[in-house]
Amino acid sequence: MSDKIHGWASISFRPTHGTAKAVYFSSMLPQDKRLKEVFWVSTLISKLPAFENDVLSVRPNEDDSDGNHDVIIELNSGHTVGVQVTEMTYELRRKRENIRNEYLIAILSEIKSRGIYSTQKILFQLYFKTADIDELTLQKPEVLIDILVNEKLSDTPVIKDAGKFRYLIERVENGEFCIPHYNNIGVNVDFDSLPRSFETYAKAINYLSHKKAKSKSPWLLIWSVDFWQDKHWLGDALIDHMKMSLTNTSFEKIFFIESLDGDGPFQANLTLHTIKE
């Protein structure tokens, strides 16, 4: 593995002006944790020709505590295969996602409590200029909704810099919302300066290796809808690190699946890596 990859970082960026527009797809991933785990194992099985005609069912384990299987594959032969399923994501990103979800709920609750309604579908997109830190300073939801109410919508999207954040307000001409929404107002939040480096990914893998050390499952399935953003510059470096970090674990087989989320993009970008067999 080349040392040139170390110290590099990638920063998420979504264009918001010119001819570029934010595009959203219907999520392929179930919200429920157990259903999400079954989804990924079913996706794995579809990519393993040896199991193509031998699987009777894929079901969640009723007791997945203390290192037990997350998902159980039942085979026609009567045998079963237990699988541990986990997402590859680093801790700061996990914290940010929790903050984002709570913030979205608070913004939508403010819209609901004030009885705000739009006759036409509109998108309210917020971009926060965040750094690689745990604590965030976010505008109060009532301040954001004041901005939304006071802006005059036209055929041209409103794009403005408000200091610590930027916002985009535009009409949604066609289709259904694939983001949280209420009363024809869709809301999305991006933390657009959160760096991703080889080191942040490697730490996530090392943590995962430690966390799953006492697993009772013969198979481990790791999934990610983030890695695709960086594979063009990470190359095989992270896959090599996975093999180095996870090969000596007790798992008989380890798989890594990566793709984008979204109906269409998911199938087109799905890639299976065998880490241990």
Protein backbone atom coordinates (compact mmCIF):
# COMPACT_ATOMS: atom_id res chain seq x y z
CA MET A 1 0.00 0.00 0.00
CA SER A 2 1.42 3.36 -0.97
CA ASP A 3 2.25 5.82 1.84
CA LYS A 4 1.30 8.69 -0.49
CA ILE A 5 -2.33 8.27 0.53
CA HIS A 6 -1.66 9.16 4.16
CA GLY A 7 -2.32 12.74 5.14
CA TRP A 8 -4.66 13.35 2.21
CA ALA A 9 -8.25 14.38 2.81
CA SER A 10 -11.44 14.87 0.85
CA ILE A 11 -14.16 17.44 1.61
CA SER A 12 -17.79 17.02 0.61
CA PHE A 13 -19.04 19.61 -1.86
CA ARG A 14 -22.36 20.10 -3.59
CA PRO A 15 -22.62 22.95 -6.15
CA THR A 16 -25.48 25.35 -5.43
CA HIS A 17 -25.32 27.90 -8.22
CA GLY A 18 -24.82 28.23 -11.94
CA THR A 19 -26.50 25.35 -13.76
CA ALA A 20 -25.92 22.87 -10.93
CA LYS A 21 -28.89 21.87 -8.78
CA ALA A 22 -29.18 19.55 -5.82
CA VAL A 23 -30.62 16.21 -6.88
CA TYR A 24 -32.36 13.77 -4.55
CA PHE A 25 -33.25 10.12 -5.09
CA SER A 26 -35.64 7.86 -3.22
CA SER A 27 -33.60 6.04 -0.57
CA MET A 28 -33.03 2.34 -1.06
CA LEU A 29 -32.24 1.80 2.62
CA PRO A 30 -34.97 0.96 5.15
CA GLN A 31 -35.06 3.21 8.22
CA ASP A 32 -35.49 0.36 10.70
CA LYS A 33 -32.12 -1.03 11.82
CA ARG A 34 -33.10 -4.70 11.55
CA LEU A 35 -34.70 -4.27 8.15
CA LYS A 36 -31.60 -2.40 6.99
CA GLU A 37 -29.38 -5.29 8.09
CA VAL A 38 -31.59 -7.81 6.26
CA PHE A 39 -31.48 -5.58 3.18
CA TRP A 40 -27.67 -5.62 3.08
CA VAL A 41 -27.40 -9.37 3.66
CA SER A 42 -29.96 -10.01 0.91
CA THR A 43 -27.90 -7.76 -1.37
CA LEU A 44 -24.78 -9.75 -0.46
CA ILE A 45 -26.46 -13.09 -1.22
CA SER A 46 -27.54 -11.78 -4.64
CA LYS A 47 -23.83 -11.30 -5.44
CA LEU A 48 -22.69 -14.79 -4.33
CA PRO A 49 -23.40 -17.33 -7.11
CA ALA A 50 -22.68 -20.30 -4.80
CA PHE A 51 -25.70 -19.36 -2.67
CA GLU A 52 -28.00 -18.28 -5.48
CA ASN A 53 -30.29 -21.32 -5.31
CA ASP A 54 -29.55 -22.48 -1.76
CA VAL A 55 -31.10 -19.72 0.37
CA LEU A 56 -34.49 -20.38 1.95
CA SER A 57 -34.79 -17.09 3.85
CA VAL A 58 -32.89 -14.13 5.27
CA ARG A 59 -34.29 -12.94 8.60
CA PRO A 60 -33.27 -10.75 11.54
CA ASN A 61 -32.13 -12.47 14.72
CA GLU A 62 -34.55 -11.83 17.59
CA ASP A 63 -31.63 -11.67 20.05
CA ASP A 64 -28.65 -9.85 18.56
CA SER A 65 -27.11 -8.86 21.91
CA ASP A 66 -23.75 -9.97 23.35
CA GLY A 67 -22.14 -10.66 19.97
CA ASN A 68 -24.99 -12.76 18.60
CA HIS A 69 -25.86 -12.74 14.89
CA ASP A 70 -27.64 -9.69 13.52
CA VAL A 71 -29.07 -11.66 10.60
CA ILE A 72 -29.59 -15.38 10.02
CA ILE A 73 -29.43 -16.96 6.57
CA GLU A 74 -31.48 -20.17 6.39
CA LEU A 75 -30.35 -22.62 3.72
CA ASN A 76 -32.40 -25.25 1.92
CA SER A 77 -30.08 -27.88 3.38
CA GLY A 78 -31.35 -27.03 6.87
CA HIS A 79 -28.14 -25.27 7.89
CA THR A 80 -27.98 -21.63 8.93
CA VAL A 81 -25.31 -18.91 8.61
CA GLY A 82 -25.11 -16.12 11.17
CA VAL A 83 -24.01 -12.68 9.98
CA GLN A 84 -22.86 -9.58 11.84
CA VAL A 85 -23.77 -6.44 9.88
CA THR A 86 -22.18 -3.04 10.47
CA GLU A 87 -21.78 0.31 8.73
CA MET A 88 -18.35 1.71 8.02
CA THR A 89 -18.50 5.27 9.26
CA TYR A 90 -16.26 7.24 11.55
CA GLU A 91 -17.49 8.49 14.90
CA LEU A 92 -17.58 12.19 14.09
CA ARG A 93 -19.78 11.57 11.06
CA ARG A 94 -22.12 9.45 13.19
CA LYS A 95 -22.42 12.30 15.69
CA ARG A 96 -23.05 14.78 12.88
CA GLU A 97 -25.82 12.61 11.44
CA ASN A 98 -27.54 12.44 14.84
CA ILE A 99 -27.26 16.23 15.18
CA ARG A 100 -28.62 16.66 11.64
CA ASN A 101 -31.64 14.44 12.28
CA GLU A 102 -32.53 16.22 15.52
CA TYR A 103 -32.07 19.61 13.85
CA LEU A 104 -34.36 18.67 10.95
CA ILE A 105 -37.05 17.57 13.40
CA ALA A 106 -36.75 20.88 15.26
CA ILE A 107 -37.04 22.93 12.02
CA LEU A 108 -40.07 20.98 10.79
CA SER A 109 -41.67 21.28 14.25
CA GLU A 110 -41.24 25.06 14.03
CA ILE A 111 -42.97 25.08 10.62
CA LYS A 112 -45.82 22.99 12.05
CA SER A 113 -46.23 25.03 15.26
CA ARG A 114 -46.44 28.29 13.28
CA GLY A 115 -48.91 26.84 10.80
CA ILE A 116 -46.78 27.75 7.78
CA TYR A 117 -48.04 26.36 4.47
CA SER A 118 -46.83 26.72 0.90
CA THR A 119 -49.25 26.39 -2.02
CA GLN A 120 -46.34 25.18 -4.17
CA LYS A 121 -43.61 22.73 -3.24
CA ILE A 122 -40.40 24.47 -2.20
CA LEU A 123 -36.99 23.31 -1.04
CA PHE A 124 -35.22 24.96 1.90
CA GLN A 125 -31.60 23.78 1.81
CA LEU A 126 -29.13 24.76 4.55
CA TYR A 127 -25.34 24.48 4.20
CA PHE A 128 -23.33 24.87 7.39
CA LYS A 129 -19.64 25.69 7.15
CA THR A 130 -18.47 23.25 9.78
CA ALA A 131 -15.01 22.13 10.82
CA ASP A 132 -13.68 18.82 12.11
CA ILE A 133 -14.93 19.47 15.65
CA ASP A 134 -17.43 17.83 17.99
CA GLU A 135 -19.39 20.93 18.99
CA LEU A 136 -21.49 22.88 16.50
CA THR A 137 -23.10 26.29 16.75
CA LEU A 138 -26.36 26.18 14.79
CA GLN A 139 -28.96 28.87 14.21
CA LYS A 140 -32.19 28.51 16.17
CA PRO A 141 -35.00 27.00 14.07
CA GLU A 142 -37.20 30.08 14.57
CA VAL A 143 -34.50 32.28 12.98
CA LEU A 144 -34.32 29.97 9.96
CA ILE A 145 -38.09 29.95 9.53
CA ASP A 146 -38.14 33.76 9.73
CA ILE A 147 -35.73 33.74 6.78
CA LEU A 148 -37.93 31.32 4.87
CA VAL A 149 -41.09 33.39 5.48
CA ASN A 150 -39.47 36.71 4.58
CA GLU A 151 -37.91 35.62 1.28
CA LYS A 152 -39.86 36.42 -1.87
CA LEU A 153 -39.88 33.37 -4.13
CA SER A 154 -39.58 33.71 -7.89
CA ASP A 155 -38.60 31.45 -10.78
CA THR A 156 -34.96 32.04 -9.84
CA PRO A 157 -33.63 30.18 -6.78
CA VAL A 158 -32.62 32.31 -3.79
CA ILE A 159 -29.02 31.60 -2.77
CA LYS A 160 -27.49 33.65 0.05
CA ASP A 161 -24.59 33.59 2.48
CA ALA A 162 -25.67 34.27 6.07
CA GLY A 163 -22.27 34.14 7.72
CA LYS A 164 -21.98 30.77 9.44
CA PHE A 165 -24.27 29.14 6.92
CA ARG A 166 -25.65 29.46 3.40
CA TYR A 167 -29.16 28.77 2.28
CA LEU A 168 -30.95 27.89 -0.92
CA ILE A 169 -34.69 28.32 -1.47
CA GLU A 170 -36.22 27.15 -4.73
CA ARG A 171 -39.44 25.84 -6.17
CA VAL A 172 -39.79 22.11 -6.82
CA GLU A 173 -41.41 21.81 -10.21
CA ASN A 174 -41.86 18.04 -10.56
CA GLY A 175 -41.86 14.85 -8.56
CA GLU A 176 -42.26 13.97 -4.91
CA PHE A 177 -40.10 15.02 -1.99
CA CYS A 178 -37.39 12.52 -1.04
CA ILE A 179 -36.35 14.60 1.96
CA PRO A 180 -38.17 15.52 5.21
CA HIS A 181 -41.06 17.88 4.51
CA TYR A 182 -44.22 19.41 5.92
CA ASN A 183 -46.97 21.47 4.27
CA ASN A 184 -45.19 21.42 0.89
CA ILE A 185 -41.91 22.66 2.43
CA GLY A 186 -38.95 20.30 2.07
CA VAL A 187 -35.97 20.85 4.39
CA ASN A 188 -32.46 19.51 4.10
CA VAL A 189 -29.27 20.21 6.06
CA ASP A 190 -25.69 19.71 4.85
CA PHE A 191 -22.53 19.98 6.90
CA ASP A 192 -20.39 20.70 3.88
CA SER A 193 -16.85 21.01 5.25
CA LEU A 194 -16.42 17.77 7.14
CA PRO A 195 -13.08 16.31 5.97
CA ARG A 196 -12.60 12.64 5.22
CA SER A 197 -9.07 11.30 5.15
CA PHE A 198 -7.45 7.90 4.94
CA GLU A 199 -6.79 8.18 8.66
CA THR A 200 -10.46 8.76 9.55
CA TYR A 201 -11.47 5.71 7.54
CA ALA A 202 -8.63 3.62 8.99
CA LYS A 203 -9.63 4.57 12.55
CA ALA A 204 -13.19 3.47 11.76
CA ILE A 205 -11.93 0.07 10.58
CA ASN A 206 -9.65 -0.34 13.59
CA TYR A 207 -12.54 0.50 15.92
CA LEU A 208 -14.78 -1.94 14.07
CA SER A 209 -12.17 -4.69 14.40
CA HIS A 210 -11.98 -4.11 18.16
CA LYS A 211 -15.76 -3.83 18.56
CA LYS A 212 -16.47 -7.11 16.75
CA ALA A 213 -13.71 -9.10 18.47
CA LYS A 214 -16.20 -11.12 20.56
CA SER A 215 -18.69 -11.80 17.78
CA LYS A 216 -20.23 -15.26 17.59
CA SER A 217 -21.04 -14.99 13.87
CA PRO A 218 -19.04 -16.78 11.16
CA TRP A 219 -19.65 -13.94 8.68
CA LEU A 220 -19.11 -10.20 8.92
CA LEU A 221 -20.71 -7.84 6.41
CA ILE A 222 -19.53 -4.20 6.32
CA TRP A 223 -21.46 -1.66 4.25
CA SER A 224 -20.94 1.96 3.27
CA VAL A 225 -22.68 4.62 1.20
CA ASP A 226 -19.85 7.09 1.92
CA PHE A 227 -16.78 5.32 0.57
CA TRP A 228 -17.76 5.74 -3.10
CA GLN A 229 -17.10 9.49 -2.75
CA ASP A 230 -13.42 8.85 -2.05
CA LYS A 231 -12.55 5.63 -3.87
CA HIS A 232 -11.22 7.62 -6.84
CA TRP A 233 -8.30 8.87 -4.72
CA LEU A 234 -8.15 6.21 -1.99
CA GLY A 235 -7.97 3.44 -4.58
CA ASP A 236 -7.31 0.07 -2.94
CA ALA A 237 -5.62 1.60 0.11
CA LEU A 238 -8.63 1.22 2.38
CA ILE A 239 -9.43 -2.28 1.11
CA ASP A 240 -5.82 -3.26 1.84
CA HIS A 241 -6.14 -1.80 5.32
CA MET A 242 -9.35 -3.75 5.91
CA LYS A 243 -7.61 -6.98 4.98
CA MET A 244 -4.67 -6.20 7.26
CA SER A 245 -6.86 -5.17 10.20
CA LEU A 246 -9.62 -7.78 9.93
CA THR A 247 -8.03 -10.94 8.51
CA ASN A 248 -6.89 -12.20 11.93
CA THR A 249 -10.35 -11.84 13.49
CA SER A 250 -12.45 -14.92 14.28
CA PHE A 251 -14.77 -14.45 11.29
CA GLU A 252 -14.63 -17.16 8.62
CA LYS A 253 -15.74 -14.75 5.88
CA ILE A 254 -15.72 -10.95 5.70
CA PHE A 255 -17.38 -8.89 2.97
CA PHE A 256 -17.49 -5.18 2.24
CA ILE A 257 -20.28 -3.70 0.07
CA GLU A 258 -20.23 -0.11 -1.12
CA SER A 259 -22.64 1.89 -3.21
CA LEU A 260 -24.55 5.15 -3.39
CA ASP A 261 -27.96 5.39 -1.82
CA GLY A 262 -30.91 6.07 -4.10
CA ASP A 263 -33.05 4.06 -6.50
CA GLY A 264 -31.00 3.71 -9.69
CA PRO A 265 -27.64 4.97 -8.36
CA PHE A 266 -27.60 2.08 -5.87
CA GLN A 267 -27.69 -0.65 -8.49
CA ALA A 268 -25.33 1.19 -10.86
CA ASN A 269 -22.61 1.70 -8.25
CA LEU A 270 -22.87 -1.49 -6.19
CA THR A 271 -19.49 -3.13 -5.58
CA LEU A 272 -18.67 -6.20 -3.48
CA HIS A 273 -15.18 -6.67 -1.99
CA THR A 274 -14.18 -9.96 -0.36
CA ILE A 275 -11.97 -9.10 2.61
CA LYS A 276 -11.56 -12.63 4.00
CA GLU A 277 -12.63 -16.02 2.65
